[in-house]
Amino acid sequence: MPKVGVILSGCGYLDGSEITESVITLLALDRAGAEVFCFAPSIEQRQVSNHLTGELTTESRNVLTESARVVRGKISDLSKANANELDALILPGGFGAALNLSSFGIEGASANIHDGLATLLHEMHEQKKPIGGICIAPALLALALGDDKPLLTIGDDVTTANELEKLGAQHKDCVVQGAVTDEQKKIVTCPAYMYEAPIKDIASGIETLVEEVIRLCGDS
């Protein structure tokens, strides 16, 4: 039974984890027989959005506390994530990945990434353990691992793809139902809600990503 870490960034696609992507990921991992461990940093969100109107609010929310909403409280502080105790890592998307786990949503290729997450990604990569990135989360992989020139996808968004390539990543266009696997580096990415697509197509891509990550666990 592979032990898979899932990194969340809040609750809600405008300022945290994309809930649909996160739940599909957790469901696919459970169906694959994986043991799942969820993590999020205990930090304040960079911004809080009203998901009914799309407008910013003056509220203050904690990323770990908000992420707990998605997983019924079964989550730990990111500082407790240990690469030695995990077989794989998956990062769902949502704008929180680009705001709370990094500043990519504001600064693009000039962005910083959360120190603890960067360390965890480096350690997983050095141990040749598979990593999955969904939607905008491949930007985090480019920020942390770009020097190793990983093959990634965020779909067919040229502007975002160019920012990833500035960081050293190689970008490959991908349909919403698919995923891109870098076999050598054991990195799997899929576009999900980088497209405006039906939930069945979003699920297809994420399920493919999870299948690939689990397969690569067997190659470790």
C-alpha atoms as a PDB file:
ATOM      1  CA  MET A   1       0.000   0.000   0.000  1.00  0.00           C
ATOM      2  CA  PRO A   2       1.762   3.183  -1.155  1.00  0.00           C
ATOM      3  CA  LYS A   3       1.803   6.112   1.249  1.00  0.00           C
ATOM      4  CA  VAL A   4       0.895   9.263  -0.646  1.00  0.00           C
ATOM      5  CA  GLY A   5       1.066  12.808   0.662  1.00  0.00           C
ATOM      6  CA  VAL A   6      -1.455  15.359  -0.645  1.00  0.00           C
ATOM      7  CA  ILE A   7      -0.602  19.042  -0.219  1.00  0.00           C
ATOM      8  CA  LEU A   8      -3.524  21.449   0.124  1.00  0.00           C
ATOM      9  CA  SER A   9      -3.551  25.247   0.048  1.00  0.00           C
ATOM     10  CA  GLY A  10      -6.880  26.271   1.569  1.00  0.00           C
ATOM     11  CA  CYS A  11     -10.516  25.692   0.611  1.00  0.00           C
ATOM     12  CA  GLY A  12     -11.950  27.149  -2.591  1.00  0.00           C
ATOM     13  CA  TYR A  13     -10.471  27.649  -6.034  1.00  0.00           C
ATOM     14  CA  LEU A  14     -10.149  31.446  -5.868  1.00  0.00           C
ATOM     15  CA  ASP A  15      -7.954  31.554  -2.770  1.00  0.00           C
ATOM     16  CA  GLY A  16      -7.144  27.954  -1.810  1.00  0.00           C
ATOM     17  CA  SER A  17      -7.298  24.385  -3.069  1.00  0.00           C
ATOM     18  CA  GLU A  18      -9.716  23.599  -5.879  1.00  0.00           C
ATOM     19  CA  ILE A  19     -12.191  21.445  -3.962  1.00  0.00           C
ATOM     20  CA  THR A  20     -13.327  19.278  -6.877  1.00  0.00           C
ATOM     21  CA  GLU A  21      -9.744  18.521  -7.901  1.00  0.00           C
ATOM     22  CA  SER A  22      -8.829  17.707  -4.305  1.00  0.00           C
ATOM     23  CA  VAL A  23     -11.782  15.368  -3.732  1.00  0.00           C
ATOM     24  CA  ILE A  24     -11.286  13.563  -7.051  1.00  0.00           C
ATOM     25  CA  THR A  25      -7.624  13.086  -6.149  1.00  0.00           C
ATOM     26  CA  LEU A  26      -8.493  11.642  -2.746  1.00  0.00           C
ATOM     27  CA  LEU A  27     -11.165   9.368  -4.234  1.00  0.00           C
ATOM     28  CA  ALA A  28      -8.822   8.076  -6.943  1.00  0.00           C
ATOM     29  CA  LEU A  29      -6.082   7.408  -4.386  1.00  0.00           C
ATOM     30  CA  ASP A  30      -8.512   5.530  -2.147  1.00  0.00           C
ATOM     31  CA  ARG A  31      -9.712   3.421  -5.066  1.00  0.00           C
ATOM     32  CA  ALA A  32      -6.070   2.666  -5.896  1.00  0.00           C
ATOM     33  CA  GLY A  33      -5.528   1.349  -2.375  1.00  0.00           C
ATOM     34  CA  ALA A  34      -3.170   4.136  -1.297  1.00  0.00           C
ATOM     35  CA  GLU A  35      -2.774   5.328   2.273  1.00  0.00           C
ATOM     36  CA  VAL A  36      -3.254   9.096   2.135  1.00  0.00           C
ATOM     37  CA  PHE A  37      -1.728  11.765   4.351  1.00  0.00           C
ATOM     38  CA  CYS A  38      -2.875  15.362   3.849  1.00  0.00           C
ATOM     39  CA  PHE A  39      -0.788  18.404   4.721  1.00  0.00           C
ATOM     40  CA  ALA A  40      -1.032  22.191   4.522  1.00  0.00           C
ATOM     41  CA  PRO A  41       1.088  25.006   5.953  1.00  0.00           C
ATOM     42  CA  SER A  42      -0.197  26.846   9.005  1.00  0.00           C
ATOM     43  CA  ILE A  43       0.105  30.320   7.485  1.00  0.00           C
ATOM     44  CA  GLU A  44      -2.300  33.135   6.701  1.00  0.00           C
ATOM     45  CA  GLN A  45      -3.835  33.172   3.234  1.00  0.00           C
ATOM     46  CA  ARG A  46      -2.471  35.847   0.953  1.00  0.00           C
ATOM     47  CA  GLN A  47      -6.039  36.916   0.212  1.00  0.00           C
ATOM     48  CA  VAL A  48      -9.608  35.776   0.876  1.00  0.00           C
ATOM     49  CA  SER A  49     -12.277  35.737  -1.822  1.00  0.00           C
ATOM     50  CA  ASN A  50     -16.045  35.683  -1.725  1.00  0.00           C
ATOM     51  CA  HIS A  51     -16.752  32.641  -3.882  1.00  0.00           C
ATOM     52  CA  LEU A  52     -20.290  33.831  -4.617  1.00  0.00           C
ATOM     53  CA  THR A  53     -19.285  37.201  -6.074  1.00  0.00           C
ATOM     54  CA  GLY A  54     -15.612  36.594  -6.881  1.00  0.00           C
ATOM     55  CA  GLU A  55     -14.677  39.745  -4.978  1.00  0.00           C
ATOM     56  CA  LEU A  56     -11.875  40.027  -2.422  1.00  0.00           C
ATOM     57  CA  THR A  57     -12.838  40.451   1.214  1.00  0.00           C
ATOM     58  CA  THR A  58     -11.072  41.879   4.249  1.00  0.00           C
ATOM     59  CA  GLU A  59     -11.188  38.538   6.109  1.00  0.00           C
ATOM     60  CA  SER A  60      -8.125  36.717   7.415  1.00  0.00           C
ATOM     61  CA  ARG A  61      -7.999  32.920   7.174  1.00  0.00           C
ATOM     62  CA  ASN A  62      -5.425  30.248   7.986  1.00  0.00           C
ATOM     63  CA  VAL A  63      -4.422  27.869   5.187  1.00  0.00           C
ATOM     64  CA  LEU A  64      -4.230  24.780   7.412  1.00  0.00           C
ATOM     65  CA  THR A  65      -7.560  25.521   9.102  1.00  0.00           C
ATOM     66  CA  GLU A  66      -9.291  26.117   5.778  1.00  0.00           C
ATOM     67  CA  SER A  67      -7.729  23.008   4.195  1.00  0.00           C
ATOM     68  CA  ALA A  68      -9.138  20.934   7.048  1.00  0.00           C
ATOM     69  CA  ARG A  69     -12.617  21.682   5.674  1.00  0.00           C
ATOM     70  CA  VAL A  70     -11.839  19.637   2.553  1.00  0.00           C
ATOM     71  CA  VAL A  71     -10.659  16.503   4.375  1.00  0.00           C
ATOM     72  CA  ARG A  72     -12.958  16.405   7.405  1.00  0.00           C
ATOM     73  CA  GLY A  73     -10.164  17.572   9.697  1.00  0.00           C
ATOM     74  CA  LYS A  74      -7.777  14.743   8.797  1.00  0.00           C
ATOM     75  CA  ILE A  75      -4.758  16.888   8.007  1.00  0.00           C
ATOM     76  CA  SER A  76      -1.394  17.836   9.512  1.00  0.00           C
ATOM     77  CA  ASP A  77       0.851  20.864   9.388  1.00  0.00           C
ATOM     78  CA  LEU A  78       3.146  20.768   6.364  1.00  0.00           C
ATOM     79  CA  SER A  79       6.110  20.987   8.735  1.00  0.00           C
ATOM     80  CA  LYS A  80       5.330  17.395   9.790  1.00  0.00           C
ATOM     81  CA  ALA A  81       5.593  15.973   6.268  1.00  0.00           C
ATOM     82  CA  ASN A  82       8.610  13.687   5.977  1.00  0.00           C
ATOM     83  CA  ALA A  83       9.838  12.515   2.582  1.00  0.00           C
ATOM     84  CA  ASN A  84      11.311   9.409   4.205  1.00  0.00           C
ATOM     85  CA  GLU A  85       7.813   8.338   5.268  1.00  0.00           C
ATOM     86  CA  LEU A  86       6.082   8.931   1.924  1.00  0.00           C
ATOM     87  CA  ASP A  87       6.162   7.005  -1.351  1.00  0.00           C
ATOM     88  CA  ALA A  88       4.698   9.796  -3.485  1.00  0.00           C
ATOM     89  CA  LEU A  89       3.355  13.336  -3.343  1.00  0.00           C
ATOM     90  CA  ILE A  90       0.440  14.985  -5.166  1.00  0.00           C
ATOM     91  CA  LEU A  91      -0.438  18.681  -5.282  1.00  0.00           C
ATOM     92  CA  PRO A  92      -3.992  19.610  -6.378  1.00  0.00           C
ATOM     93  CA  GLY A  93      -4.518  22.993  -7.970  1.00  0.00           C
ATOM     94  CA  GLY A  94      -6.591  26.006  -7.122  1.00  0.00           C
ATOM     95  CA  PHE A  95      -5.326  29.570  -6.940  1.00  0.00           C
ATOM     96  CA  GLY A  96      -4.086  28.909  -3.411  1.00  0.00           C
ATOM     97  CA  ALA A  97      -1.166  27.007  -4.946  1.00  0.00           C
ATOM     98  CA  ALA A  98      -0.180  30.199  -6.734  1.00  0.00           C
ATOM     99  CA  LEU A  99      -0.952  32.515  -3.796  1.00  0.00           C
ATOM    100  CA  ASN A 100      -0.401  30.652  -0.524  1.00  0.00           C
ATOM    101  CA  LEU A 101       2.154  27.986  -1.447  1.00  0.00           C
ATOM    102  CA  SER A 102       4.000  30.413  -3.703  1.00  0.00           C
ATOM    103  CA  SER A 103       3.714  33.868  -5.202  1.00  0.00           C
ATOM    104  CA  PHE A 104       3.475  32.553  -8.786  1.00  0.00           C
ATOM    105  CA  GLY A 105       0.005  34.034  -9.259  1.00  0.00           C
ATOM    106  CA  ILE A 106       1.461  37.499  -8.681  1.00  0.00           C
ATOM    107  CA  GLU A 107       5.071  37.289  -9.824  1.00  0.00           C
ATOM    108  CA  GLY A 108       5.189  34.492 -12.389  1.00  0.00           C
ATOM    109  CA  ALA A 109       8.687  33.154 -13.008  1.00  0.00           C
ATOM    110  CA  SER A 110      10.104  35.616 -10.439  1.00  0.00           C
ATOM    111  CA  ALA A 111       8.038  34.017  -7.682  1.00  0.00           C
ATOM    112  CA  ASN A 112       9.099  32.471  -4.397  1.00  0.00           C
ATOM    113  CA  ILE A 113       7.839  29.116  -3.130  1.00  0.00           C
ATOM    114  CA  HIS A 114       7.030  28.206   0.479  1.00  0.00           C
ATOM    115  CA  ASP A 115      10.327  27.088   2.029  1.00  0.00           C
ATOM    116  CA  GLY A 116       8.941  23.960   3.674  1.00  0.00           C
ATOM    117  CA  LEU A 117       7.245  22.837   0.479  1.00  0.00           C
ATOM    118  CA  ALA A 118      10.379  23.473  -1.570  1.00  0.00           C
ATOM    119  CA  THR A 119      12.388  21.348   0.844  1.00  0.00           C
ATOM    120  CA  LEU A 120       9.849  18.520   0.709  1.00  0.00           C
ATOM    121  CA  LEU A 121       9.751  18.583  -3.096  1.00  0.00           C
ATOM    122  CA  HIS A 122      13.539  18.511  -3.300  1.00  0.00           C
ATOM    123  CA  GLU A 123      13.758  15.602  -0.859  1.00  0.00           C
ATOM    124  CA  MET A 124      11.094  13.584  -2.693  1.00  0.00           C
ATOM    125  CA  HIS A 125      12.817  14.264  -5.999  1.00  0.00           C
ATOM    126  CA  GLU A 126      16.259  13.353  -4.666  1.00  0.00           C
ATOM    127  CA  GLN A 127      14.831  10.064  -3.390  1.00  0.00           C
ATOM    128  CA  LYS A 128      13.370   9.417  -6.860  1.00  0.00           C
ATOM    129  CA  LYS A 129       9.808   9.276  -5.529  1.00  0.00           C
ATOM    130  CA  PRO A 130       6.971  10.275  -7.868  1.00  0.00           C
ATOM    131  CA  ILE A 131       5.364  13.698  -7.661  1.00  0.00           C
ATOM    132  CA  GLY A 132       2.065  14.760  -9.225  1.00  0.00           C
ATOM    133  CA  GLY A 133       0.911  18.296  -9.960  1.00  0.00           C
ATOM    134  CA  ILE A 134      -2.627  19.253 -10.987  1.00  0.00           C
ATOM    135  CA  CYS A 135      -3.933  22.417 -12.703  1.00  0.00           C
ATOM    136  CA  ILE A 136      -1.641  25.346 -11.725  1.00  0.00           C
ATOM    137  CA  ALA A 137       0.339  23.247  -9.201  1.00  0.00           C
ATOM    138  CA  PRO A 138       2.945  22.287 -11.849  1.00  0.00           C
ATOM    139  CA  ALA A 139       4.189  25.866 -11.370  1.00  0.00           C
ATOM    140  CA  LEU A 140       5.315  24.809  -7.889  1.00  0.00           C
ATOM    141  CA  LEU A 141       7.267  21.935  -9.407  1.00  0.00           C
ATOM    142  CA  ALA A 142       8.893  24.325 -11.862  1.00  0.00           C
ATOM    143  CA  LEU A 143       9.793  26.724  -9.054  1.00  0.00           C
ATOM    144  CA  ALA A 144      11.359  23.990  -6.929  1.00  0.00           C
ATOM    145  CA  LEU A 145      12.776  21.647  -9.559  1.00  0.00           C
ATOM    146  CA  GLY A 146      13.185  23.772 -12.677  1.00  0.00           C
ATOM    147  CA  ASP A 147      16.964  23.359 -12.705  1.00  0.00           C
ATOM    148  CA  ASP A 148      16.384  19.671 -13.486  1.00  0.00           C
ATOM    149  CA  LYS A 149      14.259  20.612 -16.532  1.00  0.00           C
ATOM    150  CA  PRO A 150      11.161  18.516 -15.747  1.00  0.00           C
ATOM    151  CA  LEU A 151       8.547  17.865 -18.438  1.00  0.00           C
ATOM    152  CA  LEU A 152       5.274  19.462 -17.291  1.00  0.00           C
ATOM    153  CA  THR A 153       1.856  20.491 -18.560  1.00  0.00           C
ATOM    154  CA  ILE A 154      -0.697  23.110 -17.605  1.00  0.00           C
ATOM    155  CA  GLY A 155      -2.790  22.349 -20.702  1.00  0.00           C
ATOM    156  CA  ASP A 156      -2.449  24.785 -23.604  1.00  0.00           C
ATOM    157  CA  ASP A 157      -2.181  28.168 -21.856  1.00  0.00           C
ATOM    158  CA  VAL A 158       0.730  29.731 -23.725  1.00  0.00           C
ATOM    159  CA  THR A 159       1.347  32.557 -21.260  1.00  0.00           C
ATOM    160  CA  THR A 160       1.586  30.274 -18.227  1.00  0.00           C
ATOM    161  CA  ALA A 161       3.609  27.709 -20.170  1.00  0.00           C
ATOM    162  CA  ASN A 162       6.129  30.406 -21.051  1.00  0.00           C
ATOM    163  CA  GLU A 163       6.537  31.287 -17.373  1.00  0.00           C
ATOM    164  CA  LEU A 164       7.220  27.639 -16.531  1.00  0.00           C
ATOM    165  CA  GLU A 165       9.814  27.442 -19.292  1.00  0.00           C
ATOM    166  CA  LYS A 166      11.549  30.539 -17.923  1.00  0.00           C
ATOM    167  CA  LEU A 167      12.076  28.504 -14.760  1.00  0.00           C
ATOM    168  CA  GLY A 168      13.742  25.704 -16.722  1.00  0.00           C
ATOM    169  CA  ALA A 169      10.784  23.356 -17.149  1.00  0.00           C
ATOM    170  CA  GLN A 170       9.832  21.838 -20.492  1.00  0.00           C
ATOM    171  CA  HIS A 171       6.170  22.271 -21.353  1.00  0.00           C
ATOM    172  CA  LYS A 172       3.975  19.886 -23.324  1.00  0.00           C
ATOM    173  CA  ASP A 173       0.407  20.711 -24.339  1.00  0.00           C
ATOM    174  CA  CYS A 174      -2.171  18.269 -23.016  1.00  0.00           C
ATOM    175  CA  VAL A 175      -5.937  17.779 -23.324  1.00  0.00           C
ATOM    176  CA  VAL A 176      -8.031  18.030 -20.171  1.00  0.00           C
ATOM    177  CA  GLN A 177      -8.690  14.280 -20.044  1.00  0.00           C
ATOM    178  CA  GLY A 178      -4.980  13.434 -20.180  1.00  0.00           C
ATOM    179  CA  ALA A 179      -1.773  13.725 -18.194  1.00  0.00           C
ATOM    180  CA  VAL A 180       1.912  14.110 -19.025  1.00  0.00           C
ATOM    181  CA  THR A 181       4.489  11.802 -17.458  1.00  0.00           C
ATOM    182  CA  ASP A 182       8.191  12.546 -17.189  1.00  0.00           C
ATOM    183  CA  GLU A 183       9.330   8.929 -16.803  1.00  0.00           C
ATOM    184  CA  GLN A 184      12.939   9.738 -15.937  1.00  0.00           C
ATOM    185  CA  LYS A 185      12.133  12.322 -13.283  1.00  0.00           C
ATOM    186  CA  LYS A 186       8.954  10.567 -12.073  1.00  0.00           C
ATOM    187  CA  ILE A 187       6.817  13.689 -12.391  1.00  0.00           C
ATOM    188  CA  VAL A 188       3.203  13.527 -13.574  1.00  0.00           C
ATOM    189  CA  THR A 189       1.064  16.588 -14.334  1.00  0.00           C
ATOM    190  CA  CYS A 190      -2.412  17.233 -15.694  1.00  0.00           C
ATOM    191  CA  PRO A 191      -4.305  20.448 -16.591  1.00  0.00           C
ATOM    192  CA  ALA A 192      -7.700  19.864 -14.896  1.00  0.00           C
ATOM    193  CA  TYR A 193      -9.400  23.243 -14.353  1.00  0.00           C
ATOM    194  CA  MET A 194      -6.844  25.104 -16.417  1.00  0.00           C
ATOM    195  CA  TYR A 195      -9.621  24.294 -18.889  1.00  0.00           C
ATOM    196  CA  GLU A 196     -13.298  25.196 -18.599  1.00  0.00           C
ATOM    197  CA  ALA A 197     -14.458  21.597 -18.844  1.00  0.00           C
ATOM    198  CA  PRO A 198     -17.138  19.204 -17.519  1.00  0.00           C
ATOM    199  CA  ILE A 199     -16.355  17.507 -14.237  1.00  0.00           C
ATOM    200  CA  LYS A 200     -16.217  14.092 -15.951  1.00  0.00           C
ATOM    201  CA  ASP A 201     -13.323  15.304 -18.103  1.00  0.00           C
ATOM    202  CA  ILE A 202     -11.577  16.872 -15.104  1.00  0.00           C
ATOM    203  CA  ALA A 203     -11.939  13.549 -13.293  1.00  0.00           C
ATOM    204  CA  SER A 204     -10.557  11.608 -16.246  1.00  0.00           C
ATOM    205  CA  GLY A 205      -7.339  13.611 -16.252  1.00  0.00           C
ATOM    206  CA  ILE A 206      -6.844  13.436 -12.499  1.00  0.00           C
ATOM    207  CA  GLU A 207      -7.575   9.702 -12.426  1.00  0.00           C
ATOM    208  CA  THR A 208      -4.959   9.204 -15.135  1.00  0.00           C
ATOM    209  CA  LEU A 209      -2.464  11.209 -13.081  1.00  0.00           C
ATOM    210  CA  VAL A 210      -3.133   9.140  -9.970  1.00  0.00           C
ATOM    211  CA  GLU A 211      -2.768   5.898 -11.937  1.00  0.00           C
ATOM    212  CA  GLU A 212       0.585   7.083 -13.244  1.00  0.00           C
ATOM    213  CA  VAL A 213       1.821   8.189  -9.827  1.00  0.00           C
ATOM    214  CA  ILE A 214       0.871   4.810  -8.321  1.00  0.00           C
ATOM    215  CA  ARG A 215       2.563   2.990 -11.214  1.00  0.00           C
ATOM    216  CA  LEU A 216       5.730   4.976 -10.675  1.00  0.00           C
ATOM    217  CA  CYS A 217       5.655   4.097  -6.979  1.00  0.00           C
ATOM    218  CA  GLY A 218       6.115   0.498  -8.063  1.00  0.00           C
ATOM    219  CA  ASP A 219       9.211   1.492 -10.021  1.00  0.00           C
ATOM    220  CA  SER A 220      10.860   3.129  -7.004  1.00  0.00           C
END
